[in-house]
């Protein structure tokens, strides 16, 4: 009798996994949210040389199904007590020897799953280069050649307008405004649960003279220390074929910082 009752229940009650999903049962899509990191670094020396340095790096991305907004900020600040054997160290004044502030914003709109149009702008101040303000604005087209969980690679091509304004101490005639082509690649590699690498490379040949060009490279190695804390080594290289005479053509910065990801 018990077997008959069980048989009846099994064959008359609809199976849960066979029931069609209703709209209320559809799994909700993940809401878009900001992701990124905020990092801080510092260094100080005392003795034969006296210096103090601080840096900050901020990056954020807001990605949706059809578009993406990317923001970035960099700040570097260094003070030193200049070498003067006639003045006791305790009496020397701190002098600003290096300061760089840079911000960027980029908007991507995906025309297809892999191809996107972009618009980007940057602003930069660099005391070492005597650069009071360099701002750029540009647009172009990009393609996501590889978009895997652990490896991503994209290429971009477009045009960028440069406007350079130098401090008066850099000399007259250094200010400039011109249009350049832009070719860029972005690469991201997640090596394992601890290490990840990212690289942005940009090439800017002047539209009226391809022999006059700028290069920008931003290479980062990031280590996850905890679920939310990271350490990062960053190497930034800038090359300007026609840098003002008082400046070196190649400028390298190496930053080590620790912070949080979100």
C-alpha atoms as a PDB file:
ATOM      1  CA  UNK A   1       0.000   0.000   0.000  1.00  0.00           C
ATOM      2  CA  UNK A   2       2.881   2.403   0.880  1.00  0.00           C
ATOM      3  CA  UNK A   3       4.585   1.696  -2.444  1.00  0.00           C
ATOM      4  CA  UNK A   4       1.375   2.541  -4.287  1.00  0.00           C
ATOM      5  CA  UNK A   5       1.079   5.888  -2.487  1.00  0.00           C
ATOM      6  CA  UNK A   6       4.743   6.812  -3.252  1.00  0.00           C
ATOM      7  CA  UNK A   7       4.341   5.809  -6.901  1.00  0.00           C
ATOM      8  CA  UNK A   8       1.227   7.999  -7.166  1.00  0.00           C
ATOM      9  CA  UNK A   9       2.997  11.043  -5.627  1.00  0.00           C
ATOM     10  CA  UNK A  10       6.061  10.731  -7.857  1.00  0.00           C
ATOM     11  CA  UNK A  11       4.015  10.497 -11.045  1.00  0.00           C
ATOM     12  CA  UNK A  12       1.429  13.152 -10.241  1.00  0.00           C
ATOM     13  CA  UNK A  13       3.494  15.982  -8.628  1.00  0.00           C
ATOM     14  CA  UNK A  14       5.366  18.012 -11.325  1.00  0.00           C
ATOM     15  CA  UNK A  15       9.135  17.871 -11.014  1.00  0.00           C
ATOM     16  CA  UNK A  16      10.638  21.179  -9.879  1.00  0.00           C
ATOM     17  CA  UNK A  17      13.453  21.106 -12.426  1.00  0.00           C
ATOM     18  CA  UNK A  18      11.016  20.507 -15.255  1.00  0.00           C
ATOM     19  CA  UNK A  19       8.874  23.555 -14.500  1.00  0.00           C
ATOM     20  CA  UNK A  20       9.421  26.409 -16.960  1.00  0.00           C
ATOM     21  CA  UNK A  21      11.027  29.556 -15.528  1.00  0.00           C
ATOM     22  CA  UNK A  22       8.770  32.575 -15.159  1.00  0.00           C
ATOM     23  CA  UNK A  23      10.091  36.103 -15.517  1.00  0.00           C
ATOM     24  CA  UNK A  24      10.256  36.361 -11.727  1.00  0.00           C
ATOM     25  CA  UNK A  25      12.507  33.317 -11.605  1.00  0.00           C
ATOM     26  CA  UNK A  26      15.051  34.623 -14.165  1.00  0.00           C
ATOM     27  CA  UNK A  27      18.397  35.203 -12.483  1.00  0.00           C
ATOM     28  CA  UNK A  28      19.013  38.917 -12.115  1.00  0.00           C
ATOM     29  CA  UNK A  29      21.827  40.380 -14.179  1.00  0.00           C
ATOM     30  CA  UNK A  30      24.676  41.859 -12.200  1.00  0.00           C
ATOM     31  CA  UNK A  31      24.297  45.605 -11.833  1.00  0.00           C
ATOM     32  CA  UNK A  32      27.150  47.674 -13.325  1.00  0.00           C
ATOM     33  CA  UNK A  33      29.486  49.052 -10.673  1.00  0.00           C
ATOM     34  CA  UNK A  34      32.742  50.936 -10.359  1.00  0.00           C
ATOM     35  CA  UNK A  35      35.915  48.855 -10.089  1.00  0.00           C
ATOM     36  CA  UNK A  36      39.459  50.093  -9.588  1.00  0.00           C
ATOM     37  CA  UNK A  37      42.125  50.880  -7.021  1.00  0.00           C
ATOM     38  CA  UNK A  38      43.548  53.680  -4.885  1.00  0.00           C
ATOM     39  CA  UNK A  39      47.263  53.461  -4.027  1.00  0.00           C
ATOM     40  CA  UNK A  40      49.691  55.488  -1.924  1.00  0.00           C
ATOM     41  CA  UNK A  41      53.473  55.461  -1.726  1.00  0.00           C
ATOM     42  CA  UNK A  42      56.057  57.391   0.312  1.00  0.00           C
ATOM     43  CA  UNK A  43      59.818  57.563   0.842  1.00  0.00           C
ATOM     44  CA  UNK A  44      62.129  59.650   3.048  1.00  0.00           C
ATOM     45  CA  UNK A  45      65.910  59.918   3.465  1.00  0.00           C
ATOM     46  CA  UNK A  46      67.948  61.582   6.186  1.00  0.00           C
ATOM     47  CA  UNK A  47      71.696  61.990   6.599  1.00  0.00           C
ATOM     48  CA  UNK A  48      73.943  62.559   3.604  1.00  0.00           C
ATOM     49  CA  UNK A  49      70.830  63.511   1.696  1.00  0.00           C
ATOM     50  CA  UNK A  50      67.511  64.785   2.955  1.00  0.00           C
ATOM     51  CA  UNK A  51      64.432  64.171   0.834  1.00  0.00           C
ATOM     52  CA  UNK A  52      60.811  63.165   1.148  1.00  0.00           C
ATOM     53  CA  UNK A  53      58.582  61.825  -1.556  1.00  0.00           C
ATOM     54  CA  UNK A  54      54.929  60.878  -1.857  1.00  0.00           C
ATOM     55  CA  UNK A  55      52.854  59.502  -4.714  1.00  0.00           C
ATOM     56  CA  UNK A  56      49.268  58.542  -5.314  1.00  0.00           C
ATOM     57  CA  UNK A  57      47.655  56.527  -8.110  1.00  0.00           C
ATOM     58  CA  UNK A  58      43.905  56.211  -8.683  1.00  0.00           C
ATOM     59  CA  UNK A  59      42.152  54.189 -11.390  1.00  0.00           C
ATOM     60  CA  UNK A  60      38.465  53.440 -11.898  1.00  0.00           C
ATOM     61  CA  UNK A  61      36.363  51.730 -14.581  1.00  0.00           C
ATOM     62  CA  UNK A  62      32.587  51.731 -14.992  1.00  0.00           C
ATOM     63  CA  UNK A  63      31.671  49.073 -17.566  1.00  0.00           C
ATOM     64  CA  UNK A  64      28.246  48.290 -18.965  1.00  0.00           C
ATOM     65  CA  UNK A  65      27.179  45.971 -21.737  1.00  0.00           C
ATOM     66  CA  UNK A  66      27.578  48.575 -24.497  1.00  0.00           C
ATOM     67  CA  UNK A  67      29.877  51.257 -23.095  1.00  0.00           C
ATOM     68  CA  UNK A  68      32.740  51.822 -20.662  1.00  0.00           C
ATOM     69  CA  UNK A  69      34.131  54.833 -18.781  1.00  0.00           C
ATOM     70  CA  UNK A  70      37.760  54.835 -17.581  1.00  0.00           C
ATOM     71  CA  UNK A  71      39.265  57.406 -15.209  1.00  0.00           C
ATOM     72  CA  UNK A  72      42.839  57.772 -13.966  1.00  0.00           C
ATOM     73  CA  UNK A  73      44.865  60.100 -11.738  1.00  0.00           C
ATOM     74  CA  UNK A  74      48.579  60.309 -10.871  1.00  0.00           C
ATOM     75  CA  UNK A  75      50.315  62.573  -8.350  1.00  0.00           C
ATOM     76  CA  UNK A  76      54.034  62.654  -7.496  1.00  0.00           C
ATOM     77  CA  UNK A  77      55.606  65.107  -5.040  1.00  0.00           C
ATOM     78  CA  UNK A  78      59.241  65.428  -3.891  1.00  0.00           C
ATOM     79  CA  UNK A  79      60.994  67.898  -1.582  1.00  0.00           C
ATOM     80  CA  UNK A  80      64.736  67.978  -0.876  1.00  0.00           C
ATOM     81  CA  UNK A  81      67.269  69.941   1.144  1.00  0.00           C
ATOM     82  CA  UNK A  82      69.716  71.051  -1.499  1.00  0.00           C
ATOM     83  CA  UNK A  83      73.439  70.402  -1.038  1.00  0.00           C
ATOM     84  CA  UNK A  84      75.089  73.453   0.530  1.00  0.00           C
ATOM     85  CA  UNK A  85      78.157  72.664   2.667  1.00  0.00           C
ATOM     86  CA  UNK A  86      78.182  76.191   4.131  1.00  0.00           C
ATOM     87  CA  UNK A  87      74.758  75.725   5.738  1.00  0.00           C
ATOM     88  CA  UNK A  88      74.100  73.277   8.622  1.00  0.00           C
ATOM     89  CA  UNK A  89      71.553  70.590   7.697  1.00  0.00           C
ATOM     90  CA  UNK A  90      69.175  71.719  10.438  1.00  0.00           C
ATOM     91  CA  UNK A  91      69.046  75.208   8.915  1.00  0.00           C
ATOM     92  CA  UNK A  92      68.419  74.170   5.310  1.00  0.00           C
ATOM     93  CA  UNK A  93      64.997  74.782   3.841  1.00  0.00           C
ATOM     94  CA  UNK A  94      62.944  72.171   2.061  1.00  0.00           C
ATOM     95  CA  UNK A  95      62.787  72.899  -1.674  1.00  0.00           C
ATOM     96  CA  UNK A  96      60.248  71.490  -4.119  1.00  0.00           C
ATOM     97  CA  UNK A  97      62.285  69.477  -6.634  1.00  0.00           C
ATOM     98  CA  UNK A  98      59.683  67.361  -8.411  1.00  0.00           C
ATOM     99  CA  UNK A  99      55.935  67.490  -8.884  1.00  0.00           C
ATOM    100  CA  UNK A 100      53.764  65.799 -11.459  1.00  0.00           C
ATOM    101  CA  UNK A 101      49.979  65.782 -11.610  1.00  0.00           C
ATOM    102  CA  UNK A 102      48.105  63.999 -14.392  1.00  0.00           C
ATOM    103  CA  UNK A 103      44.491  63.058 -15.015  1.00  0.00           C
ATOM    104  CA  UNK A 104      42.743  61.209 -17.820  1.00  0.00           C
ATOM    105  CA  UNK A 105      39.248  60.210 -18.885  1.00  0.00           C
ATOM    106  CA  UNK A 106      38.225  57.865 -21.693  1.00  0.00           C
ATOM    107  CA  UNK A 107      34.818  56.767 -22.947  1.00  0.00           C
ATOM    108  CA  UNK A 108      34.332  53.663 -25.107  1.00  0.00           C
ATOM    109  CA  UNK A 109      31.117  52.848 -26.981  1.00  0.00           C
ATOM    110  CA  UNK A 110      30.919  49.331 -28.408  1.00  0.00           C
ATOM    111  CA  UNK A 111      29.616  49.247 -31.966  1.00  0.00           C
ATOM    112  CA  UNK A 112      29.874  45.455 -31.996  1.00  0.00           C
ATOM    113  CA  UNK A 113      30.942  42.941 -29.359  1.00  0.00           C
ATOM    114  CA  UNK A 114      34.629  43.570 -30.177  1.00  0.00           C
ATOM    115  CA  UNK A 115      34.789  46.968 -31.954  1.00  0.00           C
ATOM    116  CA  UNK A 116      34.331  50.288 -30.185  1.00  0.00           C
ATOM    117  CA  UNK A 117      34.593  54.023 -30.776  1.00  0.00           C
ATOM    118  CA  UNK A 118      36.370  56.089 -28.157  1.00  0.00           C
ATOM    119  CA  UNK A 119      36.825  59.673 -26.996  1.00  0.00           C
ATOM    120  CA  UNK A 120      39.591  60.615 -24.567  1.00  0.00           C
ATOM    121  CA  UNK A 121      41.092  63.622 -22.821  1.00  0.00           C
ATOM    122  CA  UNK A 122      44.092  64.170 -20.534  1.00  0.00           C
ATOM    123  CA  UNK A 123      45.608  67.020 -18.497  1.00  0.00           C
ATOM    124  CA  UNK A 124      49.150  67.107 -17.103  1.00  0.00           C
ATOM    125  CA  UNK A 125      51.491  69.349 -15.109  1.00  0.00           C
ATOM    126  CA  UNK A 126      55.196  68.424 -14.759  1.00  0.00           C
ATOM    127  CA  UNK A 127      57.602  70.644 -12.822  1.00  0.00           C
ATOM    128  CA  UNK A 128      60.728  68.764 -13.945  1.00  0.00           C
ATOM    129  CA  UNK A 129      59.825  69.339 -17.588  1.00  0.00           C
ATOM    130  CA  UNK A 130      58.836  72.972 -16.868  1.00  0.00           C
ATOM    131  CA  UNK A 131      55.451  71.953 -18.296  1.00  0.00           C
ATOM    132  CA  UNK A 132      52.749  74.148 -16.809  1.00  0.00           C
ATOM    133  CA  UNK A 133      49.876  72.431 -18.599  1.00  0.00           C
ATOM    134  CA  UNK A 134      49.519  69.920 -21.376  1.00  0.00           C
ATOM    135  CA  UNK A 135      45.997  68.968 -22.303  1.00  0.00           C
ATOM    136  CA  UNK A 136      44.858  66.626 -25.033  1.00  0.00           C
ATOM    137  CA  UNK A 137      41.570  65.661 -26.639  1.00  0.00           C
ATOM    138  CA  UNK A 138      41.106  62.889 -29.160  1.00  0.00           C
ATOM    139  CA  UNK A 139      38.875  60.242 -30.670  1.00  0.00           C
ATOM    140  CA  UNK A 140      39.187  57.097 -32.725  1.00  0.00           C
ATOM    141  CA  UNK A 141      38.287  53.444 -33.138  1.00  0.00           C
ATOM    142  CA  UNK A 142      39.415  50.359 -31.220  1.00  0.00           C
ATOM    143  CA  UNK A 143      39.125  46.586 -31.418  1.00  0.00           C
ATOM    144  CA  UNK A 144      39.224  44.010 -28.616  1.00  0.00           C
ATOM    145  CA  UNK A 145      41.271  41.240 -30.250  1.00  0.00           C
ATOM    146  CA  UNK A 146      41.344  38.983 -27.173  1.00  0.00           C
ATOM    147  CA  UNK A 147      38.884  39.173 -24.296  1.00  0.00           C
ATOM    148  CA  UNK A 148      39.456  36.218 -22.014  1.00  0.00           C
ATOM    149  CA  UNK A 149      39.178  36.064 -18.248  1.00  0.00           C
ATOM    150  CA  UNK A 150      42.959  35.956 -17.750  1.00  0.00           C
ATOM    151  CA  UNK A 151      44.208  37.710 -20.887  1.00  0.00           C
ATOM    152  CA  UNK A 152      42.935  40.768 -22.745  1.00  0.00           C
ATOM    153  CA  UNK A 153      44.463  42.614 -25.693  1.00  0.00           C
ATOM    154  CA  UNK A 154      43.083  45.600 -27.624  1.00  0.00           C
ATOM    155  CA  UNK A 155      44.355  47.980 -30.292  1.00  0.00           C
ATOM    156  CA  UNK A 156      43.280  51.558 -31.011  1.00  0.00           C
ATOM    157  CA  UNK A 157      43.843  54.125 -33.755  1.00  0.00           C
ATOM    158  CA  UNK A 158      42.727  57.738 -33.955  1.00  0.00           C
ATOM    159  CA  UNK A 159      43.821  61.374 -33.728  1.00  0.00           C
ATOM    160  CA  UNK A 160      44.724  63.559 -30.737  1.00  0.00           C
ATOM    161  CA  UNK A 161      45.061  67.318 -30.363  1.00  0.00           C
ATOM    162  CA  UNK A 162      47.945  68.477 -28.119  1.00  0.00           C
ATOM    163  CA  UNK A 163      48.230  71.873 -26.444  1.00  0.00           C
ATOM    164  CA  UNK A 164      51.504  72.491 -24.512  1.00  0.00           C
ATOM    165  CA  UNK A 165      51.993  75.474 -22.203  1.00  0.00           C
ATOM    166  CA  UNK A 166      55.426  75.785 -20.533  1.00  0.00           C
ATOM    167  CA  UNK A 167      56.532  77.969 -17.617  1.00  0.00           C
ATOM    168  CA  UNK A 168      58.228  81.238 -18.595  1.00  0.00           C
ATOM    169  CA  UNK A 169      61.535  79.926 -17.191  1.00  0.00           C
ATOM    170  CA  UNK A 170      61.546  77.249 -19.910  1.00  0.00           C
ATOM    171  CA  UNK A 171      62.183  79.937 -22.500  1.00  0.00           C
ATOM    172  CA  UNK A 172      60.092  81.687 -25.111  1.00  0.00           C
ATOM    173  CA  UNK A 173      58.796  79.776 -28.092  1.00  0.00           C
ATOM    174  CA  UNK A 174      58.306  76.443 -26.322  1.00  0.00           C
ATOM    175  CA  UNK A 175      54.492  76.598 -26.223  1.00  0.00           C
ATOM    176  CA  UNK A 176      52.924  74.558 -28.980  1.00  0.00           C
ATOM    177  CA  UNK A 177      49.612  73.287 -30.297  1.00  0.00           C
ATOM    178  CA  UNK A 178      49.326  70.557 -32.911  1.00  0.00           C
ATOM    179  CA  UNK A 179      47.440  67.509 -34.151  1.00  0.00           C
ATOM    180  CA  UNK A 180      48.947  64.020 -33.862  1.00  0.00           C
ATOM    181  CA  UNK A 181      47.867  60.557 -34.910  1.00  0.00           C
ATOM    182  CA  UNK A 182      47.444  58.006 -32.126  1.00  0.00           C
ATOM    183  CA  UNK A 183      48.144  54.280 -32.173  1.00  0.00           C
ATOM    184  CA  UNK A 184      47.801  52.368 -28.909  1.00  0.00           C
ATOM    185  CA  UNK A 185      47.664  48.887 -27.400  1.00  0.00           C
ATOM    186  CA  UNK A 186      46.320  47.797 -24.015  1.00  0.00           C
ATOM    187  CA  UNK A 187      47.266  44.441 -22.521  1.00  0.00           C
ATOM    188  CA  UNK A 188      46.121  42.751 -19.315  1.00  0.00           C
ATOM    189  CA  UNK A 189      47.470  39.429 -18.004  1.00  0.00           C
ATOM    190  CA  UNK A 190      46.303  37.694 -14.828  1.00  0.00           C
ATOM    191  CA  UNK A 191      49.169  35.335 -14.050  1.00  0.00           C
ATOM    192  CA  UNK A 192      47.595  33.706 -10.989  1.00  0.00           C
ATOM    193  CA  UNK A 193      45.571  34.610  -7.905  1.00  0.00           C
ATOM    194  CA  UNK A 194      48.402  36.842  -6.653  1.00  0.00           C
ATOM    195  CA  UNK A 195      50.042  38.506  -9.665  1.00  0.00           C
ATOM    196  CA  UNK A 196      48.567  40.503 -12.543  1.00  0.00           C
ATOM    197  CA  UNK A 197      50.179  42.729 -15.180  1.00  0.00           C
ATOM    198  CA  UNK A 198      48.853  45.621 -17.273  1.00  0.00           C
ATOM    199  CA  UNK A 199      50.474  47.660 -20.038  1.00  0.00           C
ATOM    200  CA  UNK A 200      49.367  50.725 -21.977  1.00  0.00           C
ATOM    201  CA  UNK A 201      51.496  51.766 -24.949  1.00  0.00           C
ATOM    202  CA  UNK A 202      50.774  54.894 -27.026  1.00  0.00           C
ATOM    203  CA  UNK A 203      52.522  56.251 -30.127  1.00  0.00           C
ATOM    204  CA  UNK A 204      51.784  59.818 -31.281  1.00  0.00           C
ATOM    205  CA  UNK A 205      53.364  60.828 -34.622  1.00  0.00           C
ATOM    206  CA  UNK A 206      52.694  64.456 -35.611  1.00  0.00           C
ATOM    207  CA  UNK A 207      50.202  64.646 -38.469  1.00  0.00           C
ATOM    208  CA  UNK A 208      52.425  67.022 -40.480  1.00  0.00           C
ATOM    209  CA  UNK A 209      55.755  65.307 -39.728  1.00  0.00           C
ATOM    210  CA  UNK A 210      55.825  61.574 -38.919  1.00  0.00           C
ATOM    211  CA  UNK A 211      59.444  61.922 -37.775  1.00  0.00           C
ATOM    212  CA  UNK A 212      58.261  64.070 -34.851  1.00  0.00           C
ATOM    213  CA  UNK A 213      56.585  61.771 -32.352  1.00  0.00           C
ATOM    214  CA  UNK A 214      55.851  61.038 -28.709  1.00  0.00           C
ATOM    215  CA  UNK A 215      55.789  57.673 -26.906  1.00  0.00           C
ATOM    216  CA  UNK A 216      54.027  56.821 -23.667  1.00  0.00           C
ATOM    217  CA  UNK A 217      54.352  53.503 -21.843  1.00  0.00           C
ATOM    218  CA  UNK A 218      52.700  52.587 -18.523  1.00  0.00           C
ATOM    219  CA  UNK A 219      53.641  49.118 -17.203  1.00  0.00           C
ATOM    220  CA  UNK A 220      52.242  47.798 -13.922  1.00  0.00           C
ATOM    221  CA  UNK A 221      52.802  44.660 -11.859  1.00  0.00           C
ATOM    222  CA  UNK A 222      50.206  44.239  -9.123  1.00  0.00           C
ATOM    223  CA  UNK A 223      50.271  41.758  -6.242  1.00  0.00           C
ATOM    224  CA  UNK A 224      47.178  40.947  -4.179  1.00  0.00           C
ATOM    225  CA  UNK A 225      48.115  40.998  -0.491  1.00  0.00           C
ATOM    226  CA  UNK A 226      44.631  40.348   0.859  1.00  0.00           C
ATOM    227  CA  UNK A 227      41.147  40.255  -0.627  1.00  0.00           C
ATOM    228  CA  UNK A 228      41.099  44.067  -0.858  1.00  0.00           C
ATOM    229  CA  UNK A 229      44.718  45.210  -0.367  1.00  0.00           C
ATOM    230  CA  UNK A 230      47.286  45.327  -3.202  1.00  0.00           C
ATOM    231  CA  UNK A 231      50.900  46.343  -3.767  1.00  0.00           C
ATOM    232  CA  UNK A 232      51.987  47.743  -7.140  1.00  0.00           C
ATOM    233  CA  UNK A 233      55.189  48.464  -9.020  1.00  0.00           C
ATOM    234  CA  UNK A 234      54.720  50.959 -11.863  1.00  0.00           C
ATOM    235  CA  UNK A 235      57.146  52.047 -14.569  1.00  0.00           C
ATOM    236  CA  UNK A 236      56.095  55.099 -16.609  1.00  0.00           C
ATOM    237  CA  UNK A 237      58.174  56.062 -19.649  1.00  0.00           C
ATOM    238  CA  UNK A 238      57.641  59.154 -21.794  1.00  0.00           C
ATOM    239  CA  UNK A 239      59.658  59.995 -24.894  1.00  0.00           C
ATOM    240  CA  UNK A 240      59.418  63.228 -26.887  1.00  0.00           C
ATOM    241  CA  UNK A 241      61.455  63.510 -30.073  1.00  0.00           C
ATOM    242  CA  UNK A 242      61.311  67.326 -29.968  1.00  0.00           C
ATOM    243  CA  UNK A 243      61.510  68.002 -26.226  1.00  0.00           C
ATOM    244  CA  UNK A 244      62.662  71.557 -25.322  1.00  0.00           C
ATOM    245  CA  UNK A 245      66.510  71.824 -25.208  1.00  0.00           C
ATOM    246  CA  UNK A 246      66.633  72.022 -21.404  1.00  0.00           C
ATOM    247  CA  UNK A 247      64.813  68.668 -21.045  1.00  0.00           C
ATOM    248  CA  UNK A 248      65.890  65.090 -21.708  1.00  0.00           C
ATOM    249  CA  UNK A 249      63.967  63.331 -24.461  1.00  0.00           C
ATOM    250  CA  UNK A 250      63.301  60.268 -22.256  1.00  0.00           C
ATOM    251  CA  UNK A 251      61.653  60.513 -18.860  1.00  0.00           C
ATOM    252  CA  UNK A 252      61.316  57.440 -16.595  1.00  0.00           C
ATOM    253  CA  UNK A 253      59.417  57.142 -13.325  1.00  0.00           C
ATOM    254  CA  UNK A 254      59.388  54.129 -11.020  1.00  0.00           C
ATOM    255  CA  UNK A 255      56.676  54.023  -8.359  1.00  0.00           C
ATOM    256  CA  UNK A 256      56.071  51.519  -5.575  1.00  0.00           C
ATOM    257  CA  UNK A 257      52.778  51.878  -3.738  1.00  0.00           C
ATOM    258  CA  UNK A 258      50.264  50.029  -1.574  1.00  0.00           C
ATOM    259  CA  UNK A 259      46.533  50.507  -1.451  1.00  0.00           C
ATOM    260  CA  UNK A 260      43.077  49.105  -1.874  1.00  0.00           C
ATOM    261  CA  UNK A 261      41.031  47.774  -4.756  1.00  0.00           C
ATOM    262  CA  UNK A 262      37.271  48.041  -5.068  1.00  0.00           C
END
